[in-house]
Amino acid sequence: MVRLSLGLPIRALEDCQVAVLEPTPLRLLHLAVIEAANGNLAEARKALEEAKGKGLGNRWLSTPDQRRLAEVEALLAVPGAA
């Protein structure tokens, strides 16, 4: 997420793709955010759906990750999003 905040979405994507070799719900959320930032909405949706399938839940996310989740859900118009 650091590279994304520095305006380097392609480098962030490279980092995240390596990180999700051992996918966790949080890593998959980050991948969804980064894919969306790169304009890869289908891949972002896929990563977000996988994160939710693995138990991604708003209650255990940090405040910044709660915001990221809400933003990516809104961007992707995910059914059931707040």
PDB file of N, CA and C in Angstrom:
ATOM      1  N   MET A   1       0.819  -1.184   0.000  1.00  0.00           N
ATOM      2  CA  MET A   1       0.000   0.000   0.000  1.00  0.00           C
ATOM      3  C   MET A   1       0.868   1.255   0.000  1.00  0.00           C
ATOM      4  N   VAL A   2       2.119   1.114   0.444  1.00  0.00           N
ATOM      5  CA  VAL A   2       3.005   2.279   0.473  1.00  0.00           C
ATOM      6  C   VAL A   2       3.245   2.788  -0.936  1.00  0.00           C
ATOM      7  N   ARG A   3       3.563   1.877  -1.848  1.00  0.00           N
ATOM      8  CA  ARG A   3       3.825   2.319  -3.230  1.00  0.00           C
ATOM      9  C   ARG A   3       2.584   2.950  -3.856  1.00  0.00           C
ATOM     10  N   LEU A   4       1.415   2.449  -3.523  1.00  0.00           N
ATOM     11  CA  LEU A   4       0.187   3.044  -4.051  1.00  0.00           C
ATOM     12  C   LEU A   4       0.032   4.468  -3.534  1.00  0.00           C
ATOM     13  N   SER A   5       0.299   4.665  -2.241  1.00  0.00           N
ATOM     14  CA  SER A   5       0.182   6.012  -1.677  1.00  0.00           C
ATOM     15  C   SER A   5       1.231   6.961  -2.247  1.00  0.00           C
ATOM     16  N   LEU A   6       2.318   6.404  -2.778  1.00  0.00           N
ATOM     17  CA  LEU A   6       3.357   7.226  -3.400  1.00  0.00           C
ATOM     18  C   LEU A   6       3.084   7.472  -4.885  1.00  0.00           C
ATOM     19  N   GLY A   7       1.923   6.995  -5.369  1.00  0.00           N
ATOM     20  CA  GLY A   7       1.577   7.220  -6.771  1.00  0.00           C
ATOM     21  C   GLY A   7       2.234   6.237  -7.719  1.00  0.00           C
ATOM     22  N   LEU A   8       2.568   5.057  -7.218  1.00  0.00           N
ATOM     23  CA  LEU A   8       3.219   4.032  -8.034  1.00  0.00           C
ATOM     24  C   LEU A   8       2.328   2.785  -8.113  1.00  0.00           C
ATOM     25  N   PRO A   9       1.162   2.888  -8.769  1.00  0.00           N
ATOM     26  CA  PRO A   9       0.222   1.769  -8.745  1.00  0.00           C
ATOM     27  C   PRO A   9       0.726   0.505  -9.428  1.00  0.00           C
ATOM     28  N   ILE A  10       1.520   0.619 -10.457  1.00  0.00           N
ATOM     29  CA  ILE A  10       2.025  -0.585 -11.131  1.00  0.00           C
ATOM     30  C   ILE A  10       3.010  -1.319 -10.237  1.00  0.00           C
ATOM     31  N   ARG A  11       3.904  -0.582  -9.573  1.00  0.00           N
ATOM     32  CA  ARG A  11       4.846  -1.218  -8.635  1.00  0.00           C
ATOM     33  C   ARG A  11       4.098  -1.822  -7.456  1.00  0.00           C
ATOM     34  N   ALA A  12       3.042  -1.154  -6.998  1.00  0.00           N
ATOM     35  CA  ALA A  12       2.223  -1.684  -5.901  1.00  0.00           C
ATOM     36  C   ALA A  12       1.573  -2.993  -6.327  1.00  0.00           C
ATOM     37  N   LEU A  13       1.112  -3.056  -7.561  1.00  0.00           N
ATOM     38  CA  LEU A  13       0.497  -4.271  -8.084  1.00  0.00           C
ATOM     39  C   LEU A  13       1.512  -5.406  -8.101  1.00  0.00           C
ATOM     40  N   GLU A  14       2.722  -5.137  -8.545  1.00  0.00           N
ATOM     41  CA  GLU A  14       3.770  -6.160  -8.563  1.00  0.00           C
ATOM     42  C   GLU A  14       4.019  -6.691  -7.151  1.00  0.00           C
ATOM     43  N   ASP A  15       4.137  -5.786  -6.185  1.00  0.00           N
ATOM     44  CA  ASP A  15       4.359  -6.190  -4.791  1.00  0.00           C
ATOM     45  C   ASP A  15       3.214  -7.040  -4.270  1.00  0.00           C
ATOM     46  N   CYS A  16       2.010  -6.616  -4.545  1.00  0.00           N
ATOM     47  CA  CYS A  16       0.837  -7.294  -4.008  1.00  0.00           C
ATOM     48  C   CYS A  16       0.633  -8.666  -4.659  1.00  0.00           C
ATOM     49  N   GLN A  17       0.932  -8.778  -5.923  1.00  0.00           N
ATOM     50  CA  GLN A  17       0.791 -10.068  -6.597  1.00  0.00           C
ATOM     51  C   GLN A  17       1.709 -11.111  -5.958  1.00  0.00           C
ATOM     52  N   VAL A  18       2.889 -10.707  -5.546  1.00  0.00           N
ATOM     53  CA  VAL A  18       3.788 -11.609  -4.843  1.00  0.00           C
ATOM     54  C   VAL A  18       3.231 -11.934  -3.462  1.00  0.00           C
ATOM     55  N   ALA A  19       2.718 -10.943  -2.775  1.00  0.00           N
ATOM     56  CA  ALA A  19       2.198 -11.138  -1.418  1.00  0.00           C
ATOM     57  C   ALA A  19       1.017 -12.093  -1.386  1.00  0.00           C
ATOM     58  N   VAL A  20       0.197 -12.107  -2.419  1.00  0.00           N
ATOM     59  CA  VAL A  20      -0.986 -12.957  -2.383  1.00  0.00           C
ATOM     60  C   VAL A  20      -0.696 -14.389  -2.823  1.00  0.00           C
ATOM     61  N   LEU A  21       0.572 -14.727  -2.939  1.00  0.00           N
ATOM     62  CA  LEU A  21       0.888 -16.132  -3.146  1.00  0.00           C
ATOM     63  C   LEU A  21       0.420 -16.935  -1.928  1.00  0.00           C
ATOM     64  N   GLU A  22       0.346 -16.264  -0.777  1.00  0.00           N
ATOM     65  CA  GLU A  22      -0.261 -16.815   0.429  1.00  0.00           C
ATOM     66  C   GLU A  22      -1.430 -15.886   0.775  1.00  0.00           C
ATOM     67  N   PRO A  23      -2.562 -16.058   0.081  1.00  0.00           N
ATOM     68  CA  PRO A  23      -3.651 -15.092   0.221  1.00  0.00           C
ATOM     69  C   PRO A  23      -4.331 -15.122   1.591  1.00  0.00           C
ATOM     70  N   THR A  24      -4.531 -13.945   2.111  1.00  0.00           N
ATOM     71  CA  THR A  24      -5.352 -13.745   3.300  1.00  0.00           C
ATOM     72  C   THR A  24      -6.439 -12.762   2.886  1.00  0.00           C
ATOM     73  N   PRO A  25      -7.509 -12.670   3.642  1.00  0.00           N
ATOM     74  CA  PRO A  25      -8.543 -11.699   3.275  1.00  0.00           C
ATOM     75  C   PRO A  25      -7.995 -10.275   3.157  1.00  0.00           C
ATOM     76  N   LEU A  26      -7.113  -9.874   4.054  1.00  0.00           N
ATOM     77  CA  LEU A  26      -6.570  -8.522   4.013  1.00  0.00           C
ATOM     78  C   LEU A  26      -5.682  -8.313   2.792  1.00  0.00           C
ATOM     79  N   ARG A  27      -4.824  -9.271   2.488  1.00  0.00           N
ATOM     80  CA  ARG A  27      -3.973  -9.144   1.293  1.00  0.00           C
ATOM     81  C   ARG A  27      -4.815  -9.073   0.028  1.00  0.00           C
ATOM     82  N   LEU A  28      -5.882  -9.858  -0.009  1.00  0.00           N
ATOM     83  CA  LEU A  28      -6.760  -9.825  -1.177  1.00  0.00           C
ATOM     84  C   LEU A  28      -7.505  -8.500  -1.284  1.00  0.00           C
ATOM     85  N   LEU A  29      -7.884  -7.921  -0.152  1.00  0.00           N
ATOM     86  CA  LEU A  29      -8.481  -6.582  -0.171  1.00  0.00           C
ATOM     87  C   LEU A  29      -7.497  -5.588  -0.757  1.00  0.00           C
ATOM     88  N   HIS A  30      -6.260  -5.634  -0.299  1.00  0.00           N
ATOM     89  CA  HIS A  30      -5.238  -4.721  -0.821  1.00  0.00           C
ATOM     90  C   HIS A  30      -5.044  -4.932  -2.319  1.00  0.00           C
ATOM     91  N   LEU A  31      -5.047  -6.198  -2.759  1.00  0.00           N
ATOM     92  CA  LEU A  31      -4.927  -6.473  -4.191  1.00  0.00           C
ATOM     93  C   LEU A  31      -6.104  -5.864  -4.944  1.00  0.00           C
ATOM     94  N   ALA A  32      -7.311  -5.982  -4.398  1.00  0.00           N
ATOM     95  CA  ALA A  32      -8.489  -5.406  -5.052  1.00  0.00           C
ATOM     96  C   ALA A  32      -8.355  -3.895  -5.193  1.00  0.00           C
ATOM     97  N   VAL A  33      -7.887  -3.240  -4.137  1.00  0.00           N
ATOM     98  CA  VAL A  33      -7.707  -1.781  -4.164  1.00  0.00           C
ATOM     99  C   VAL A  33      -6.681  -1.400  -5.228  1.00  0.00           C
ATOM    100  N   ILE A  34      -5.585  -2.129  -5.275  1.00  0.00           N
ATOM    101  CA  ILE A  34      -4.512  -1.812  -6.220  1.00  0.00           C
ATOM    102  C   ILE A  34      -4.954  -2.108  -7.656  1.00  0.00           C
ATOM    103  N   GLU A  35      -5.634  -3.227  -7.856  1.00  0.00           N
ATOM    104  CA  GLU A  35      -6.136  -3.531  -9.205  1.00  0.00           C
ATOM    105  C   GLU A  35      -7.079  -2.428  -9.668  1.00  0.00           C
ATOM    106  N   ALA A  36      -7.945  -1.965  -8.783  1.00  0.00           N
ATOM    107  CA  ALA A  36      -8.872  -0.886  -9.135  1.00  0.00           C
ATOM    108  C   ALA A  36      -8.107   0.391  -9.490  1.00  0.00           C
ATOM    109  N   ALA A  37      -7.047   0.684  -8.726  1.00  0.00           N
ATOM    110  CA  ALA A  37      -6.244   1.881  -8.998  1.00  0.00           C
ATOM    111  C   ALA A  37      -5.559   1.802 -10.354  1.00  0.00           C
ATOM    112  N   ASN A  38      -5.301   0.578 -10.818  1.00  0.00           N
ATOM    113  CA  ASN A  38      -4.685   0.378 -12.129  1.00  0.00           C
ATOM    114  C   ASN A  38      -5.721   0.253 -13.242  1.00  0.00           C
ATOM    115  N   GLY A  39      -7.018   0.378 -12.885  1.00  0.00           N
ATOM    116  CA  GLY A  39      -8.072   0.304 -13.897  1.00  0.00           C
ATOM    117  C   GLY A  39      -8.488  -1.108 -14.247  1.00  0.00           C
ATOM    118  N   ASN A  40      -8.003  -2.091 -13.506  1.00  0.00           N
ATOM    119  CA  ASN A  40      -8.330  -3.493 -13.770  1.00  0.00           C
ATOM    120  C   ASN A  40      -9.540  -3.893 -12.907  1.00  0.00           C
ATOM    121  N   LEU A  41     -10.703  -3.401 -13.291  1.00  0.00           N
ATOM    122  CA  LEU A  41     -11.884  -3.580 -12.455  1.00  0.00           C
ATOM    123  C   LEU A  41     -12.336  -5.028 -12.353  1.00  0.00           C
ATOM    124  N   ALA A  42     -12.198  -5.803 -13.415  1.00  0.00           N
ATOM    125  CA  ALA A  42     -12.583  -7.213 -13.352  1.00  0.00           C
ATOM    126  C   ALA A  42     -11.695  -7.962 -12.364  1.00  0.00           C
ATOM    127  N   GLU A  43     -10.405  -7.673 -12.390  1.00  0.00           N
ATOM    128  CA  GLU A  43      -9.475  -8.315 -11.457  1.00  0.00           C
ATOM    129  C   GLU A  43      -9.709  -7.827 -10.030  1.00  0.00           C
ATOM    130  N   ALA A  44     -10.055  -6.557  -9.885  1.00  0.00           N
ATOM    131  CA  ALA A  44     -10.359  -6.010  -8.563  1.00  0.00           C
ATOM    132  C   ALA A  44     -11.577  -6.711  -7.983  1.00  0.00           C
ATOM    133  N   ARG A  45     -12.592  -6.883  -8.800  1.00  0.00           N
ATOM    134  CA  ARG A  45     -13.822  -7.551  -8.356  1.00  0.00           C
ATOM    135  C   ARG A  45     -13.523  -8.993  -7.945  1.00  0.00           C
ATOM    136  N   LYS A  46     -12.711  -9.671  -8.744  1.00  0.00           N
ATOM    137  CA  LYS A  46     -12.344 -11.059  -8.452  1.00  0.00           C
ATOM    138  C   LYS A  46     -11.615 -11.148  -7.106  1.00  0.00           C
ATOM    139  N   ALA A  47     -10.649 -10.268  -6.870  1.00  0.00           N
ATOM    140  CA  ALA A  47      -9.890 -10.281  -5.617  1.00  0.00           C
ATOM    141  C   ALA A  47     -10.796  -9.969  -4.428  1.00  0.00           C
ATOM    142  N   LEU A  48     -11.703  -9.012  -4.589  1.00  0.00           N
ATOM    143  CA  LEU A  48     -12.605  -8.647  -3.503  1.00  0.00           C
ATOM    144  C   LEU A  48     -13.555  -9.797  -3.182  1.00  0.00           C
ATOM    145  N   GLU A  49     -14.081 -10.439  -4.204  1.00  0.00           N
ATOM    146  CA  GLU A  49     -14.968 -11.583  -3.975  1.00  0.00           C
ATOM    147  C   GLU A  49     -14.228 -12.713  -3.263  1.00  0.00           C
ATOM    148  N   GLU A  50     -12.976 -12.948  -3.644  1.00  0.00           N
ATOM    149  CA  GLU A  50     -12.188 -13.984  -2.983  1.00  0.00           C
ATOM    150  C   GLU A  50     -11.922 -13.611  -1.523  1.00  0.00           C
ATOM    151  N   ALA A  51     -11.628 -12.334  -1.279  1.00  0.00           N
ATOM    152  CA  ALA A  51     -11.399 -11.866   0.095  1.00  0.00           C
ATOM    153  C   ALA A  51     -12.645 -12.092   0.947  1.00  0.00           C
ATOM    154  N   LYS A  52     -13.792 -11.772   0.402  1.00  0.00           N
ATOM    155  CA  LYS A  52     -15.046 -11.963   1.141  1.00  0.00           C
ATOM    156  C   LYS A  52     -15.322 -13.447   1.352  1.00  0.00           C
ATOM    157  N   GLY A  53     -14.983 -14.256   0.365  1.00  0.00           N
ATOM    158  CA  GLY A  53     -15.156 -15.696   0.499  1.00  0.00           C
ATOM    159  C   GLY A  53     -14.263 -16.296   1.576  1.00  0.00           C
ATOM    160  N   LYS A  54     -13.145 -15.642   1.842  1.00  0.00           N
ATOM    161  CA  LYS A  54     -12.218 -16.095   2.878  1.00  0.00           C
ATOM    162  C   LYS A  54     -12.515 -15.454   4.231  1.00  0.00           C
ATOM    163  N   GLY A  55     -13.612 -14.700   4.300  1.00  0.00           N
ATOM    164  CA  GLY A  55     -14.041 -14.171   5.586  1.00  0.00           C
ATOM    165  C   GLY A  55     -13.708 -12.714   5.853  1.00  0.00           C
ATOM    166  N   LEU A  56     -13.425 -11.935   4.817  1.00  0.00           N
ATOM    167  CA  LEU A  56     -13.162 -10.517   5.028  1.00  0.00           C
ATOM    168  C   LEU A  56     -14.335  -9.897   5.752  1.00  0.00           C
ATOM    169  N   GLY A  57     -14.053  -9.237   6.854  1.00  0.00           N
ATOM    170  CA  GLY A  57     -15.108  -8.617   7.637  1.00  0.00           C
ATOM    171  C   GLY A  57     -14.697  -7.236   8.081  1.00  0.00           C
ATOM    172  N   ASN A  58     -15.599  -6.315   8.028  1.00  0.00           N
ATOM    173  CA  ASN A  58     -15.328  -4.922   8.365  1.00  0.00           C
ATOM    174  C   ASN A  58     -14.911  -4.745   9.821  1.00  0.00           C
ATOM    175  N   ARG A  59     -15.403  -5.610  10.717  1.00  0.00           N
ATOM    176  CA  ARG A  59     -15.183  -5.387  12.143  1.00  0.00           C
ATOM    177  C   ARG A  59     -13.739  -5.546  12.578  1.00  0.00           C
ATOM    178  N   TRP A  60     -12.928  -6.326  11.883  1.00  0.00           N
ATOM    179  CA  TRP A  60     -11.540  -6.491  12.297  1.00  0.00           C
ATOM    180  C   TRP A  60     -10.565  -5.698  11.446  1.00  0.00           C
ATOM    181  N   LEU A  61     -11.063  -4.909  10.534  1.00  0.00           N
ATOM    182  CA  LEU A  61     -10.190  -4.088   9.692  1.00  0.00           C
ATOM    183  C   LEU A  61      -9.790  -2.801  10.416  1.00  0.00           C
ATOM    184  N   SER A  62      -8.593  -2.328  10.110  1.00  0.00           N
ATOM    185  CA  SER A  62      -8.179  -1.022  10.627  1.00  0.00           C
ATOM    186  C   SER A  62      -9.062   0.049   9.996  1.00  0.00           C
ATOM    187  N   THR A  63      -9.051   1.228  10.552  1.00  0.00           N
ATOM    188  CA  THR A  63      -9.845   2.328  10.002  1.00  0.00           C
ATOM    189  C   THR A  63      -9.474   2.613   8.546  1.00  0.00           C
ATOM    190  N   PRO A  64      -8.170   2.692   8.194  1.00  0.00           N
ATOM    191  CA  PRO A  64      -7.845   2.919   6.782  1.00  0.00           C
ATOM    192  C   PRO A  64      -8.333   1.789   5.871  1.00  0.00           C
ATOM    193  N   ASP A  65      -8.260   0.529   6.360  1.00  0.00           N
ATOM    194  CA  ASP A  65      -8.733  -0.579   5.530  1.00  0.00           C
ATOM    195  C   ASP A  65     -10.255  -0.599   5.430  1.00  0.00           C
ATOM    196  N   GLN A  66     -10.953  -0.154   6.466  1.00  0.00           N
ATOM    197  CA  GLN A  66     -12.415  -0.024   6.369  1.00  0.00           C
ATOM    198  C   GLN A  66     -12.770   0.983   5.279  1.00  0.00           C
ATOM    199  N   ARG A  67     -12.021   2.083   5.234  1.00  0.00           N
ATOM    200  CA  ARG A  67     -12.250   3.106   4.203  1.00  0.00           C
ATOM    201  C   ARG A  67     -11.946   2.535   2.820  1.00  0.00           C
ATOM    202  N   ARG A  68     -10.835   1.802   2.706  1.00  0.00           N
ATOM    203  CA  ARG A  68     -10.476   1.198   1.409  1.00  0.00           C
ATOM    204  C   ARG A  68     -11.560   0.235   0.944  1.00  0.00           C
ATOM    205  N   LEU A  69     -12.064  -0.577   1.872  1.00  0.00           N
ATOM    206  CA  LEU A  69     -13.117  -1.528   1.526  1.00  0.00           C
ATOM    207  C   LEU A  69     -14.357  -0.795   1.020  1.00  0.00           C
ATOM    208  N   ALA A  70     -14.770   0.227   1.742  1.00  0.00           N
ATOM    209  CA  ALA A  70     -15.955   0.987   1.322  1.00  0.00           C
ATOM    210  C   ALA A  70     -15.745   1.620  -0.049  1.00  0.00           C
ATOM    211  N   GLU A  71     -14.560   2.160  -0.282  1.00  0.00           N
ATOM    212  CA  GLU A  71     -14.286   2.816  -1.565  1.00  0.00           C
ATOM    213  C   GLU A  71     -14.280   1.822  -2.720  1.00  0.00           C
ATOM    214  N   VAL A  72     -13.629   0.676  -2.522  1.00  0.00           N
ATOM    215  CA  VAL A  72     -13.564  -0.284  -3.618  1.00  0.00           C
ATOM    216  C   VAL A  72     -14.931  -0.916  -3.858  1.00  0.00           C
ATOM    217  N   GLU A  73     -15.709  -1.156  -2.796  1.00  0.00           N
ATOM    218  CA  GLU A  73     -17.066  -1.670  -2.974  1.00  0.00           C
ATOM    219  C   GLU A  73     -17.912  -0.667  -3.759  1.00  0.00           C
ATOM    220  N   ALA A  74     -17.798   0.593  -3.444  1.00  0.00           N
ATOM    221  CA  ALA A  74     -18.570   1.612  -4.154  1.00  0.00           C
ATOM    222  C   ALA A  74     -18.149   1.681  -5.615  1.00  0.00           C
ATOM    223  N   LEU A  75     -16.852   1.619  -5.853  1.00  0.00           N
ATOM    224  CA  LEU A  75     -16.350   1.676  -7.229  1.00  0.00           C
ATOM    225  C   LEU A  75     -16.839   0.489  -8.047  1.00  0.00           C
ATOM    226  N   LEU A  76     -16.845  -0.661  -7.426  1.00  0.00           N
ATOM    227  CA  LEU A  76     -17.212  -1.888  -8.139  1.00  0.00           C
ATOM    228  C   LEU A  76     -18.708  -2.176  -8.069  1.00  0.00           C
ATOM    229  N   ALA A  77     -19.438  -1.385  -7.285  1.00  0.00           N
ATOM    230  CA  ALA A  77     -20.875  -1.582  -7.088  1.00  0.00           C
ATOM    231  C   ALA A  77     -21.158  -3.020  -6.681  1.00  0.00           C
ATOM    232  N   VAL A  78     -20.463  -3.468  -5.646  1.00  0.00           N
ATOM    233  CA  VAL A  78     -20.596  -4.828  -5.156  1.00  0.00           C
ATOM    234  C   VAL A  78     -21.943  -4.979  -4.453  1.00  0.00           C
ATOM    235  N   PRO A  79     -22.724  -5.997  -4.825  1.00  0.00           N
ATOM    236  CA  PRO A  79     -24.005  -6.215  -4.149  1.00  0.00           C
ATOM    237  C   PRO A  79     -23.775  -6.430  -2.645  1.00  0.00           C
ATOM    238  N   GLY A  80     -24.614  -5.829  -1.850  1.00  0.00           N
ATOM    239  CA  GLY A  80     -24.510  -5.961  -0.407  1.00  0.00           C
ATOM    240  C   GLY A  80     -23.534  -4.987   0.225  1.00  0.00           C
ATOM    241  N   ALA A  81     -22.943  -4.118  -0.571  1.00  0.00           N
ATOM    242  CA  ALA A  81     -22.006  -3.126  -0.031  1.00  0.00           C
ATOM    243  C   ALA A  81     -22.785  -2.050   0.702  1.00  0.00           C
ATOM    244  N   ALA A  82     -22.147  -1.513   1.716  1.00  0.00           N
ATOM    245  CA  ALA A  82     -22.808  -0.468   2.523  1.00  0.00           C
ATOM    246  C   ALA A  82     -22.924   0.838   1.780  1.00  0.00           C
TER     247      ALA A  82
END
